[in-house]
Amino acid sequence: GTAEIQNTEKQAFGELIFKHFRKNKVEIASAISEPFPFFMSLRDHDFISEQTFEACQEACKDRVSVKKEAYEVLSKLEKTFDPSLLKVLFSRANLMAYPDLYEVYRSFSD
């Protein structure tokens, strides 16, 4: 019935969002210039563990580029992708901290 159609539409929409996320990981990561607030918000919303968060902090200290570390984290999150991740990625705090992220954000609303 109607519920099945809605479910199929929701799945198709989720699939589109996922593909768009996967295609834009480099763009998202490239916008991340500082660890704060990106990694903190992912930890606070339970997308990454405290352990992963600490590892990210260390990697960023050890001159591994923040962008590269952001990409690694996004690749891990891709495996268990949840559309609610986008709310955290494109939160007001992140959009204000990383102006380049806004372009990617706009591409999701198209």
PDB file of N, CA and C in Angstrom:
ATOM      1  N   GLY A   1       0.816  -1.205   0.000  1.00  0.00           N
ATOM      2  CA  GLY A   1       0.000   0.000   0.000  1.00  0.00           C
ATOM      3  C   GLY A   1       0.851   1.258   0.000  1.00  0.00           C
ATOM      4  N   THR A   2       0.256   2.292   0.529  1.00  0.00           N
ATOM      5  CA  THR A   2       0.883   3.616   0.571  1.00  0.00           C
ATOM      6  C   THR A   2       2.178   3.605   1.378  1.00  0.00           C
ATOM      7  N   ALA A   3       2.171   2.889   2.498  1.00  0.00           N
ATOM      8  CA  ALA A   3       3.362   2.811   3.353  1.00  0.00           C
ATOM      9  C   ALA A   3       4.545   2.231   2.583  1.00  0.00           C
ATOM     10  N   GLU A   4       4.276   1.206   1.755  1.00  0.00           N
ATOM     11  CA  GLU A   4       5.340   0.583   0.961  1.00  0.00           C
ATOM     12  C   GLU A   4       5.916   1.571  -0.042  1.00  0.00           C
ATOM     13  N   ILE A   5       5.048   2.326  -0.689  1.00  0.00           N
ATOM     14  CA  ILE A   5       5.500   3.334  -1.666  1.00  0.00           C
ATOM     15  C   ILE A   5       6.350   4.383  -0.954  1.00  0.00           C
ATOM     16  N   GLN A   6       5.863   4.858   0.192  1.00  0.00           N
ATOM     17  CA  GLN A   6       6.620   5.857   0.967  1.00  0.00           C
ATOM     18  C   GLN A   6       7.975   5.302   1.388  1.00  0.00           C
ATOM     19  N   ASN A   7       7.991   4.040   1.790  1.00  0.00           N
ATOM     20  CA  ASN A   7       9.232   3.392   2.190  1.00  0.00           C
ATOM     21  C   ASN A   7      10.215   3.330   1.028  1.00  0.00           C
ATOM     22  N   THR A   8       9.722   2.954  -0.151  1.00  0.00           N
ATOM     23  CA  THR A   8      10.551   2.868  -1.351  1.00  0.00           C
ATOM     24  C   THR A   8      11.091   4.246  -1.718  1.00  0.00           C
ATOM     25  N   GLU A   9      10.225   5.258  -1.629  1.00  0.00           N
ATOM     26  CA  GLU A   9      10.666   6.636  -1.926  1.00  0.00           C
ATOM     27  C   GLU A   9      11.732   7.076  -0.934  1.00  0.00           C
ATOM     28  N   LYS A  10      11.517   6.740   0.335  1.00  0.00           N
ATOM     29  CA  LYS A  10      12.474   7.102   1.382  1.00  0.00           C
ATOM     30  C   LYS A  10      13.821   6.420   1.123  1.00  0.00           C
ATOM     31  N   GLN A  11      13.779   5.144   0.715  1.00  0.00           N
ATOM     32  CA  GLN A  11      15.004   4.408   0.405  1.00  0.00           C
ATOM     33  C   GLN A  11      15.723   5.040  -0.784  1.00  0.00           C
ATOM     34  N   ALA A  12      14.952   5.376  -1.819  1.00  0.00           N
ATOM     35  CA  ALA A  12      15.533   5.983  -3.024  1.00  0.00           C
ATOM     36  C   ALA A  12      16.173   7.327  -2.675  1.00  0.00           C
ATOM     37  N   PHE A  13      15.479   8.107  -1.850  1.00  0.00           N
ATOM     38  CA  PHE A  13      16.001   9.404  -1.420  1.00  0.00           C
ATOM     39  C   PHE A  13      17.283   9.204  -0.604  1.00  0.00           C
ATOM     40  N   GLY A  14      17.254   8.235   0.326  1.00  0.00           N
ATOM     41  CA  GLY A  14      18.427   7.914   1.139  1.00  0.00           C
ATOM     42  C   GLY A  14      19.607   7.516   0.282  1.00  0.00           C
ATOM     43  N   GLU A  15      19.336   6.744  -0.761  1.00  0.00           N
ATOM     44  CA  GLU A  15      20.367   6.284  -1.693  1.00  0.00           C
ATOM     45  C   GLU A  15      20.977   7.477  -2.443  1.00  0.00           C
ATOM     46  N   LEU A  16      20.127   8.392  -2.876  1.00  0.00           N
ATOM     47  CA  LEU A  16      20.594   9.607  -3.573  1.00  0.00           C
ATOM     48  C   LEU A  16      21.496  10.438  -2.660  1.00  0.00           C
ATOM     49  N   ILE A  17      21.033  10.640  -1.428  1.00  0.00           N
ATOM     50  CA  ILE A  17      21.788  11.422  -0.450  1.00  0.00           C
ATOM     51  C   ILE A  17      23.137  10.748  -0.190  1.00  0.00           C
ATOM     52  N   PHE A  18      23.101   9.420  -0.027  1.00  0.00           N
ATOM     53  CA  PHE A  18      24.329   8.663   0.234  1.00  0.00           C
ATOM     54  C   PHE A  18      25.317   8.831  -0.924  1.00  0.00           C
ATOM     55  N   LYS A  19      24.831   8.675  -2.166  1.00  0.00           N
ATOM     56  CA  LYS A  19      25.717   8.803  -3.337  1.00  0.00           C
ATOM     57  C   LYS A  19      26.306  10.208  -3.418  1.00  0.00           C
ATOM     58  N   HIS A  20      25.472  11.199  -3.125  1.00  0.00           N
ATOM     59  CA  HIS A  20      25.942  12.582  -3.166  1.00  0.00           C
ATOM     60  C   HIS A  20      27.001  12.803  -2.078  1.00  0.00           C
ATOM     61  N   PHE A  21      26.761  12.227  -0.902  1.00  0.00           N
ATOM     62  CA  PHE A  21      27.736  12.320   0.193  1.00  0.00           C
ATOM     63  C   PHE A  21      29.061  11.693  -0.252  1.00  0.00           C
ATOM     64  N   ARG A  22      28.977  10.489  -0.814  1.00  0.00           N
ATOM     65  CA  ARG A  22      30.187   9.770  -1.215  1.00  0.00           C
ATOM     66  C   ARG A  22      30.966  10.563  -2.266  1.00  0.00           C
ATOM     67  N   LYS A  23      30.261  11.148  -3.220  1.00  0.00           N
ATOM     68  CA  LYS A  23      30.924  11.923  -4.280  1.00  0.00           C
ATOM     69  C   LYS A  23      31.541  13.211  -3.748  1.00  0.00           C
ATOM     70  N   ASN A  24      31.022  13.700  -2.631  1.00  0.00           N
ATOM     71  CA  ASN A  24      31.471  14.997  -2.124  1.00  0.00           C
ATOM     72  C   ASN A  24      32.377  14.927  -0.903  1.00  0.00           C
ATOM     73  N   LYS A  25      32.851  13.720  -0.566  1.00  0.00           N
ATOM     74  CA  LYS A  25      33.714  13.580   0.620  1.00  0.00           C
ATOM     75  C   LYS A  25      34.959  14.449   0.512  1.00  0.00           C
ATOM     76  N   VAL A  26      35.579  14.487  -0.660  1.00  0.00           N
ATOM     77  CA  VAL A  26      36.795  15.289  -0.831  1.00  0.00           C
ATOM     78  C   VAL A  26      36.469  16.768  -0.633  1.00  0.00           C
ATOM     79  N   GLU A  27      35.346  17.214  -1.211  1.00  0.00           N
ATOM     80  CA  GLU A  27      34.958  18.626  -1.071  1.00  0.00           C
ATOM     81  C   GLU A  27      34.670  18.967   0.389  1.00  0.00           C
ATOM     82  N   ILE A  28      33.963  18.058   1.073  1.00  0.00           N
ATOM     83  CA  ILE A  28      33.659  18.301   2.487  1.00  0.00           C
ATOM     84  C   ILE A  28      34.964  18.377   3.279  1.00  0.00           C
ATOM     85  N   ALA A  29      35.818  17.371   3.113  1.00  0.00           N
ATOM     86  CA  ALA A  29      37.085  17.321   3.853  1.00  0.00           C
ATOM     87  C   ALA A  29      37.963  18.528   3.530  1.00  0.00           C
ATOM     88  N   SER A  30      37.944  18.963   2.275  1.00  0.00           N
ATOM     89  CA  SER A  30      38.774  20.108   1.866  1.00  0.00           C
ATOM     90  C   SER A  30      38.355  21.394   2.557  1.00  0.00           C
ATOM     91  N   ALA A  31      37.108  21.455   2.979  1.00  0.00           N
ATOM     92  CA  ALA A  31      36.612  22.661   3.641  1.00  0.00           C
ATOM     93  C   ALA A  31      37.023  22.711   5.114  1.00  0.00           C
ATOM     94  N   ILE A  32      37.405  21.565   5.659  1.00  0.00           N
ATOM     95  CA  ILE A  32      37.730  21.481   7.087  1.00  0.00           C
ATOM     96  C   ILE A  32      39.166  21.948   7.326  1.00  0.00           C
ATOM     97  N   SER A  33      39.294  23.146   7.852  1.00  0.00           N
ATOM     98  CA  SER A  33      40.623  23.743   8.009  1.00  0.00           C
ATOM     99  C   SER A  33      41.167  23.606   9.432  1.00  0.00           C
ATOM    100  N   GLU A  34      40.298  23.435  10.404  1.00  0.00           N
ATOM    101  CA  GLU A  34      40.675  23.332  11.815  1.00  0.00           C
ATOM    102  C   GLU A  34      39.911  22.159  12.428  1.00  0.00           C
ATOM    103  N   PRO A  35      40.487  21.485  13.436  1.00  0.00           N
ATOM    104  CA  PRO A  35      39.763  20.378  14.062  1.00  0.00           C
ATOM    105  C   PRO A  35      38.442  20.809  14.723  1.00  0.00           C
ATOM    106  N   PHE A  36      38.441  22.009  15.315  1.00  0.00           N
ATOM    107  CA  PHE A  36      37.221  22.488  15.977  1.00  0.00           C
ATOM    108  C   PHE A  36      36.393  23.311  15.004  1.00  0.00           C
ATOM    109  N   PRO A  37      35.098  23.110  14.920  1.00  0.00           N
ATOM    110  CA  PRO A  37      34.212  22.226  15.690  1.00  0.00           C
ATOM    111  C   PRO A  37      33.911  20.870  15.025  1.00  0.00           C
ATOM    112  N   PHE A  38      34.486  20.606  13.860  1.00  0.00           N
ATOM    113  CA  PHE A  38      34.152  19.409  13.077  1.00  0.00           C
ATOM    114  C   PHE A  38      34.218  18.102  13.880  1.00  0.00           C
ATOM    115  N   PHE A  39      35.405  17.772  14.404  1.00  0.00           N
ATOM    116  CA  PHE A  39      35.572  16.491  15.109  1.00  0.00           C
ATOM    117  C   PHE A  39      34.783  16.454  16.417  1.00  0.00           C
ATOM    118  N   MET A  40      34.696  17.607  17.088  1.00  0.00           N
ATOM    119  CA  MET A  40      33.967  17.670  18.360  1.00  0.00           C
ATOM    120  C   MET A  40      32.486  17.403  18.143  1.00  0.00           C
ATOM    121  N   SER A  41      31.931  17.971  17.095  1.00  0.00           N
ATOM    122  CA  SER A  41      30.495  17.769  16.865  1.00  0.00           C
ATOM    123  C   SER A  41      30.210  16.318  16.474  1.00  0.00           C
ATOM    124  N   LEU A  42      31.114  15.697  15.724  1.00  0.00           N
ATOM    125  CA  LEU A  42      30.922  14.281  15.371  1.00  0.00           C
ATOM    126  C   LEU A  42      30.967  13.411  16.627  1.00  0.00           C
ATOM    127  N   ARG A  43      31.878  13.743  17.536  1.00  0.00           N
ATOM    128  CA  ARG A  43      31.963  12.994  18.794  1.00  0.00           C
ATOM    129  C   ARG A  43      30.727  13.243  19.652  1.00  0.00           C
ATOM    130  N   ASP A  44      30.333  14.504  19.787  1.00  0.00           N
ATOM    131  CA  ASP A  44      29.208  14.854  20.653  1.00  0.00           C
ATOM    132  C   ASP A  44      27.899  14.216  20.195  1.00  0.00           C
ATOM    133  N   HIS A  45      27.793  13.958  18.897  1.00  0.00           N
ATOM    134  CA  HIS A  45      26.575  13.322  18.363  1.00  0.00           C
ATOM    135  C   HIS A  45      26.757  11.810  18.169  1.00  0.00           C
ATOM    136  N   ASP A  46      27.814  11.278  18.774  1.00  0.00           N
ATOM    137  CA  ASP A  46      28.091   9.829  18.744  1.00  0.00           C
ATOM    138  C   ASP A  46      28.322   9.252  17.355  1.00  0.00           C
ATOM    139  N   PHE A  47      28.811  10.059  16.432  1.00  0.00           N
ATOM    140  CA  PHE A  47      29.189   9.517  15.123  1.00  0.00           C
ATOM    141  C   PHE A  47      30.585   8.913  15.178  1.00  0.00           C
ATOM    142  N   ILE A  48      31.428   9.470  16.047  1.00  0.00           N
ATOM    143  CA  ILE A  48      32.753   8.871  16.269  1.00  0.00           C
ATOM    144  C   ILE A  48      32.930   8.640  17.769  1.00  0.00           C
ATOM    145  N   SER A  49      33.690   7.614  18.093  1.00  0.00           N
ATOM    146  CA  SER A  49      33.942   7.284  19.501  1.00  0.00           C
ATOM    147  C   SER A  49      34.956   8.252  20.098  1.00  0.00           C
ATOM    148  N   GLU A  50      35.039   8.225  21.407  1.00  0.00           N
ATOM    149  CA  GLU A  50      36.032   9.036  22.113  1.00  0.00           C
ATOM    150  C   GLU A  50      37.435   8.653  21.629  1.00  0.00           C
ATOM    151  N   GLN A  51      37.641   7.353  21.413  1.00  0.00           N
ATOM    152  CA  GLN A  51      38.927   6.827  20.953  1.00  0.00           C
ATOM    153  C   GLN A  51      39.289   7.391  19.566  1.00  0.00           C
ATOM    154  N   THR A  52      38.331   7.363  18.655  1.00  0.00           N
ATOM    155  CA  THR A  52      38.554   7.913  17.311  1.00  0.00           C
ATOM    156  C   THR A  52      38.821   9.408  17.399  1.00  0.00           C
ATOM    157  N   PHE A  53      38.060  10.081  18.262  1.00  0.00           N
ATOM    158  CA  PHE A  53      38.241  11.516  18.458  1.00  0.00           C
ATOM    159  C   PHE A  53      39.667  11.824  18.910  1.00  0.00           C
ATOM    160  N   GLU A  54      40.138  11.082  19.911  1.00  0.00           N
ATOM    161  CA  GLU A  54      41.502  11.278  20.424  1.00  0.00           C
ATOM    162  C   GLU A  54      42.525  11.037  19.318  1.00  0.00           C
ATOM    163  N   ALA A  55      42.313   9.976  18.540  1.00  0.00           N
ATOM    164  CA  ALA A  55      43.228   9.652  17.438  1.00  0.00           C
ATOM    165  C   ALA A  55      43.265  10.799  16.417  1.00  0.00           C
ATOM    166  N   CYS A  56      42.114  11.381  16.143  1.00  0.00           N
ATOM    167  CA  CYS A  56      42.034  12.522  15.209  1.00  0.00           C
ATOM    168  C   CYS A  56      42.818  13.709  15.758  1.00  0.00           C
ATOM    169  N   GLN A  57      42.643  13.977  17.050  1.00  0.00           N
ATOM    170  CA  GLN A  57      43.352  15.090  17.682  1.00  0.00           C
ATOM    171  C   GLN A  57      44.869  14.887  17.570  1.00  0.00           C
ATOM    172  N   GLU A  58      45.316  13.666  17.842  1.00  0.00           N
ATOM    173  CA  GLU A  58      46.748  13.341  17.748  1.00  0.00           C
ATOM    174  C   GLU A  58      47.247  13.526  16.320  1.00  0.00           C
ATOM    175  N   ALA A  59      46.504  12.963  15.372  1.00  0.00           N
ATOM    176  CA  ALA A  59      46.908  13.048  13.964  1.00  0.00           C
ATOM    177  C   ALA A  59      47.021  14.508  13.525  1.00  0.00           C
ATOM    178  N   CYS A  60      46.080  15.332  13.951  1.00  0.00           N
ATOM    179  CA  CYS A  60      46.114  16.749  13.568  1.00  0.00           C
ATOM    180  C   CYS A  60      47.301  17.453  14.211  1.00  0.00           C
ATOM    181  N   LYS A  61      47.673  17.032  15.419  1.00  0.00           N
ATOM    182  CA  LYS A  61      48.846  17.595  16.100  1.00  0.00           C
ATOM    183  C   LYS A  61      50.132  17.184  15.396  1.00  0.00           C
ATOM    184  N   ASP A  62      50.143  15.950  14.901  1.00  0.00           N
ATOM    185  CA  ASP A  62      51.332  15.409  14.241  1.00  0.00           C
ATOM    186  C   ASP A  62      51.463  15.871  12.790  1.00  0.00           C
ATOM    187  N   ARG A  63      50.854  16.987  12.496  1.00  0.00           N
ATOM    188  CA  ARG A  63      50.971  17.601  11.186  1.00  0.00           C
ATOM    189  C   ARG A  63      50.339  16.812  10.038  1.00  0.00           C
ATOM    190  N   VAL A  64      49.573  15.769  10.384  1.00  0.00           N
ATOM    191  CA  VAL A  64      48.774  15.136   9.325  1.00  0.00           C
ATOM    192  C   VAL A  64      47.735  16.206   9.049  1.00  0.00           C
ATOM    193  N   SER A  65      47.500  16.479   7.800  1.00  0.00           N
ATOM    194  CA  SER A  65      46.592  17.583   7.551  1.00  0.00           C
ATOM    195  C   SER A  65      45.219  17.295   8.108  1.00  0.00           C
ATOM    196  N   VAL A  66      44.592  18.332   8.634  1.00  0.00           N
ATOM    197  CA  VAL A  66      43.239  18.229   9.180  1.00  0.00           C
ATOM    198  C   VAL A  66      42.305  17.723   8.079  1.00  0.00           C
ATOM    199  N   LYS A  67      42.508  18.213   6.856  1.00  0.00           N
ATOM    200  CA  LYS A  67      41.676  17.812   5.714  1.00  0.00           C
ATOM    201  C   LYS A  67      41.781  16.304   5.460  1.00  0.00           C
ATOM    202  N   LYS A  68      43.005  15.786   5.527  1.00  0.00           N
ATOM    203  CA  LYS A  68      43.225  14.356   5.292  1.00  0.00           C
ATOM    204  C   LYS A  68      42.550  13.533   6.393  1.00  0.00           C
ATOM    205  N   GLU A  69      42.686  13.991   7.613  1.00  0.00           N
ATOM    206  CA  GLU A  69      42.066  13.301   8.752  1.00  0.00           C
ATOM    207  C   GLU A  69      40.542  13.355   8.631  1.00  0.00           C
ATOM    208  N   ALA A  70      40.026  14.508   8.218  1.00  0.00           N
ATOM    209  CA  ALA A  70      38.574  14.650   8.022  1.00  0.00           C
ATOM    210  C   ALA A  70      38.093  13.657   6.964  1.00  0.00           C
ATOM    211  N   TYR A  71      38.876  13.500   5.907  1.00  0.00           N
ATOM    212  CA  TYR A  71      38.507  12.568   4.840  1.00  0.00           C
ATOM    213  C   TYR A  71      38.468  11.125   5.368  1.00  0.00           C
ATOM    214  N   GLU A  72      39.469  10.760   6.173  1.00  0.00           N
ATOM    215  CA  GLU A  72      39.509   9.411   6.762  1.00  0.00           C
ATOM    216  C   GLU A  72      38.253   9.148   7.587  1.00  0.00           C
ATOM    217  N   VAL A  73      37.886  10.122   8.407  1.00  0.00           N
ATOM    218  CA  VAL A  73      36.698   9.983   9.262  1.00  0.00           C
ATOM    219  C   VAL A  73      35.441   9.867   8.400  1.00  0.00           C
ATOM    220  N   LEU A  74      35.333  10.696   7.375  1.00  0.00           N
ATOM    221  CA  LEU A  74      34.162  10.634   6.483  1.00  0.00           C
ATOM    222  C   LEU A  74      34.079   9.272   5.788  1.00  0.00           C
ATOM    223  N   SER A  75      35.228   8.708   5.427  1.00  0.00           N
ATOM    224  CA  SER A  75      35.252   7.387   4.785  1.00  0.00           C
ATOM    225  C   SER A  75      34.753   6.311   5.735  1.00  0.00           C
ATOM    226  N   LYS A  76      35.115   6.426   7.004  1.00  0.00           N
ATOM    227  CA  LYS A  76      34.610   5.463   8.004  1.00  0.00           C
ATOM    228  C   LYS A  76      33.104   5.638   8.175  1.00  0.00           C
ATOM    229  N   LEU A  77      32.660   6.874   8.227  1.00  0.00           N
ATOM    230  CA  LEU A  77      31.231   7.151   8.422  1.00  0.00           C
ATOM    231  C   LEU A  77      30.401   6.712   7.215  1.00  0.00           C
ATOM    232  N   GLU A  78      31.030   6.683   6.058  1.00  0.00           N
ATOM    233  CA  GLU A  78      30.334   6.243   4.839  1.00  0.00           C
ATOM    234  C   GLU A  78      29.866   4.791   4.986  1.00  0.00           C
ATOM    235  N   LYS A  79      30.667   3.975   5.680  1.00  0.00           N
ATOM    236  CA  LYS A  79      30.346   2.551   5.835  1.00  0.00           C
ATOM    237  C   LYS A  79      29.068   2.317   6.633  1.00  0.00           C
ATOM    238  N   THR A  80      28.764   3.226   7.551  1.00  0.00           N
ATOM    239  CA  THR A  80      27.555   3.077   8.369  1.00  0.00           C
ATOM    240  C   THR A  80      26.663   4.298   8.153  1.00  0.00           C
ATOM    241  N   PHE A  81      26.650   4.794   6.931  1.00  0.00           N
ATOM    242  CA  PHE A  81      26.002   6.074   6.627  1.00  0.00           C
ATOM    243  C   PHE A  81      24.592   6.199   7.182  1.00  0.00           C
ATOM    244  N   ASP A  82      24.365   7.304   7.854  1.00  0.00           N
ATOM    245  CA  ASP A  82      23.039   7.659   8.352  1.00  0.00           C
ATOM    246  C   ASP A  82      22.778   9.096   7.904  1.00  0.00           C
ATOM    247  N   PRO A  83      21.641   9.338   7.242  1.00  0.00           N
ATOM    248  CA  PRO A  83      21.353  10.704   6.765  1.00  0.00           C
ATOM    249  C   PRO A  83      21.413  11.778   7.855  1.00  0.00           C
ATOM    250  N   SER A  84      21.200  11.389   9.117  1.00  0.00           N
ATOM    251  CA  SER A  84      21.264  12.378  10.208  1.00  0.00           C
ATOM    252  C   SER A  84      22.671  12.960  10.363  1.00  0.00           C
ATOM    253  N   LEU A  85      23.656  12.268   9.790  1.00  0.00           N
ATOM    254  CA  LEU A  85      25.032  12.776   9.798  1.00  0.00           C
ATOM    255  C   LEU A  85      25.105  14.152   9.134  1.00  0.00           C
ATOM    256  N   LEU A  86      24.297  14.342   8.093  1.00  0.00           N
ATOM    257  CA  LEU A  86      24.331  15.601   7.346  1.00  0.00           C
ATOM    258  C   LEU A  86      23.930  16.792   8.213  1.00  0.00           C
ATOM    259  N   LYS A  87      22.996  16.563   9.139  1.00  0.00           N
ATOM    260  CA  LYS A  87      22.577  17.637  10.049  1.00  0.00           C
ATOM    261  C   LYS A  87      23.760  18.110  10.875  1.00  0.00           C
ATOM    262  N   VAL A  88      24.596  17.159  11.287  1.00  0.00           N
ATOM    263  CA  VAL A  88      25.769  17.488  12.095  1.00  0.00           C
ATOM    264  C   VAL A  88      26.846  18.133  11.220  1.00  0.00           C
ATOM    265  N   LEU A  89      27.103  17.533  10.052  1.00  0.00           N
ATOM    266  CA  LEU A  89      28.118  18.083   9.140  1.00  0.00           C
ATOM    267  C   LEU A  89      27.816  19.523   8.773  1.00  0.00           C
ATOM    268  N   PHE A  90      26.530  19.765   8.452  1.00  0.00           N
ATOM    269  CA  PHE A  90      26.147  21.100   7.980  1.00  0.00           C
ATOM    270  C   PHE A  90      25.456  21.920   9.060  1.00  0.00           C
ATOM    271  N   SER A  91      25.873  21.697  10.296  1.00  0.00           N
ATOM    272  CA  SER A  91      25.314  22.477  11.402  1.00  0.00           C
ATOM    273  C   SER A  91      25.736  23.937  11.245  1.00  0.00           C
ATOM    274  N   ARG A  92      25.041  24.797  11.929  1.00  0.00           N
ATOM    275  CA  ARG A  92      25.350  26.226  11.866  1.00  0.00           C
ATOM    276  C   ARG A  92      26.803  26.487  12.291  1.00  0.00           C
ATOM    277  N   ALA A  93      27.229  25.803  13.358  1.00  0.00           N
ATOM    278  CA  ALA A  93      28.602  25.993  13.860  1.00  0.00           C
ATOM    279  C   ALA A  93      29.631  25.607  12.797  1.00  0.00           C
ATOM    280  N   ASN A  94      29.420  24.473  12.125  1.00  0.00           N
ATOM    281  CA  ASN A  94      30.359  24.052  11.090  1.00  0.00           C
ATOM    282  C   ASN A  94      30.330  24.983   9.886  1.00  0.00           C
ATOM    283  N   LEU A  95      29.139  25.397   9.472  1.00  0.00           N
ATOM    284  CA  LEU A  95      29.040  26.301   8.310  1.00  0.00           C
ATOM    285  C   LEU A  95      29.702  27.643   8.609  1.00  0.00           C
ATOM    286  N   MET A  96      29.608  28.097   9.856  1.00  0.00           N
ATOM    287  CA  MET A  96      30.251  29.365  10.216  1.00  0.00           C
ATOM    288  C   MET A  96      31.765  29.192  10.312  1.00  0.00           C
ATOM    289  N   ALA A  97      32.220  28.051  10.824  1.00  0.00           N
ATOM    290  CA  ALA A  97      33.658  27.815  10.997  1.00  0.00           C
ATOM    291  C   ALA A  97      34.355  27.534   9.671  1.00  0.00           C
ATOM    292  N   TYR A  98      33.625  26.911   8.752  1.00  0.00           N
ATOM    293  CA  TYR A  98      34.221  26.514   7.472  1.00  0.00           C
ATOM    294  C   TYR A  98      33.383  27.059   6.313  1.00  0.00           C
ATOM    295  N   PRO A  99      33.630  28.301   5.914  1.00  0.00           N
ATOM    296  CA  PRO A  99      32.827  28.930   4.852  1.00  0.00           C
ATOM    297  C   PRO A  99      32.763  28.105   3.560  1.00  0.00           C
ATOM    298  N   ASP A 100      33.833  27.373   3.228  1.00  0.00           N
ATOM    299  CA  ASP A 100      33.839  26.578   1.992  1.00  0.00           C
ATOM    300  C   ASP A 100      32.842  25.427   2.048  1.00  0.00           C
ATOM    301  N   LEU A 101      32.453  25.051   3.250  1.00  0.00           N
ATOM    302  CA  LEU A 101      31.496  23.953   3.423  1.00  0.00           C
ATOM    303  C   LEU A 101      30.120  24.345   2.893  1.00  0.00           C
ATOM    304  N   TYR A 102      29.862  25.652   2.875  1.00  0.00           N
ATOM    305  CA  TYR A 102      28.548  26.132   2.452  1.00  0.00           C
ATOM    306  C   TYR A 102      28.228  25.743   1.007  1.00  0.00           C
ATOM    307  N   GLU A 103      29.228  25.787   0.143  1.00  0.00           N
ATOM    308  CA  GLU A 103      29.029  25.396  -1.260  1.00  0.00           C
ATOM    309  C   GLU A 103      28.551  23.940  -1.363  1.00  0.00           C
ATOM    310  N   VAL A 104      29.191  23.066  -0.593  1.00  0.00           N
ATOM    311  CA  VAL A 104      28.806  21.655  -0.602  1.00  0.00           C
ATOM    312  C   VAL A 104      27.398  21.509  -0.041  1.00  0.00           C
ATOM    313  N   TYR A 105      27.131  22.227   1.034  1.00  0.00           N
ATOM    314  CA  TYR A 105      25.807  22.214   1.672  1.00  0.00           C
ATOM    315  C   TYR A 105      24.726  22.588   0.649  1.00  0.00           C
ATOM    316  N   ARG A 106      24.993  23.629  -0.129  1.00  0.00           N
ATOM    317  CA  ARG A 106      24.024  24.066  -1.139  1.00  0.00           C
ATOM    318  C   ARG A 106      23.799  22.983  -2.194  1.00  0.00           C
ATOM    319  N   SER A 107      24.841  22.239  -2.523  1.00  0.00           N
ATOM    320  CA  SER A 107      24.692  21.182  -3.540  1.00  0.00           C
ATOM    321  C   SER A 107      23.769  20.061  -3.046  1.00  0.00           C
ATOM    322  N   PHE A 108      23.662  19.891  -1.725  1.00  0.00           N
ATOM    323  CA  PHE A 108      22.766  18.872  -1.173  1.00  0.00           C
ATOM    324  C   PHE A 108      21.308  19.300  -1.270  1.00  0.00           C
ATOM    325  N   SER A 109      21.064  20.609  -1.204  1.00  0.00           N
ATOM    326  CA  SER A 109      19.677  21.047  -1.255  1.00  0.00           C
ATOM    327  C   SER A 109      19.141  21.137  -2.683  1.00  0.00           C
ATOM    328  N   ASP A 110      20.046  21.018  -3.678  1.00  0.00           N
ATOM    329  CA  ASP A 110      19.587  21.057  -5.083  1.00  0.00           C
ATOM    330  C   ASP A 110      18.854  19.784  -5.481  1.00  0.00           C
TER     331      ASP A 110
END
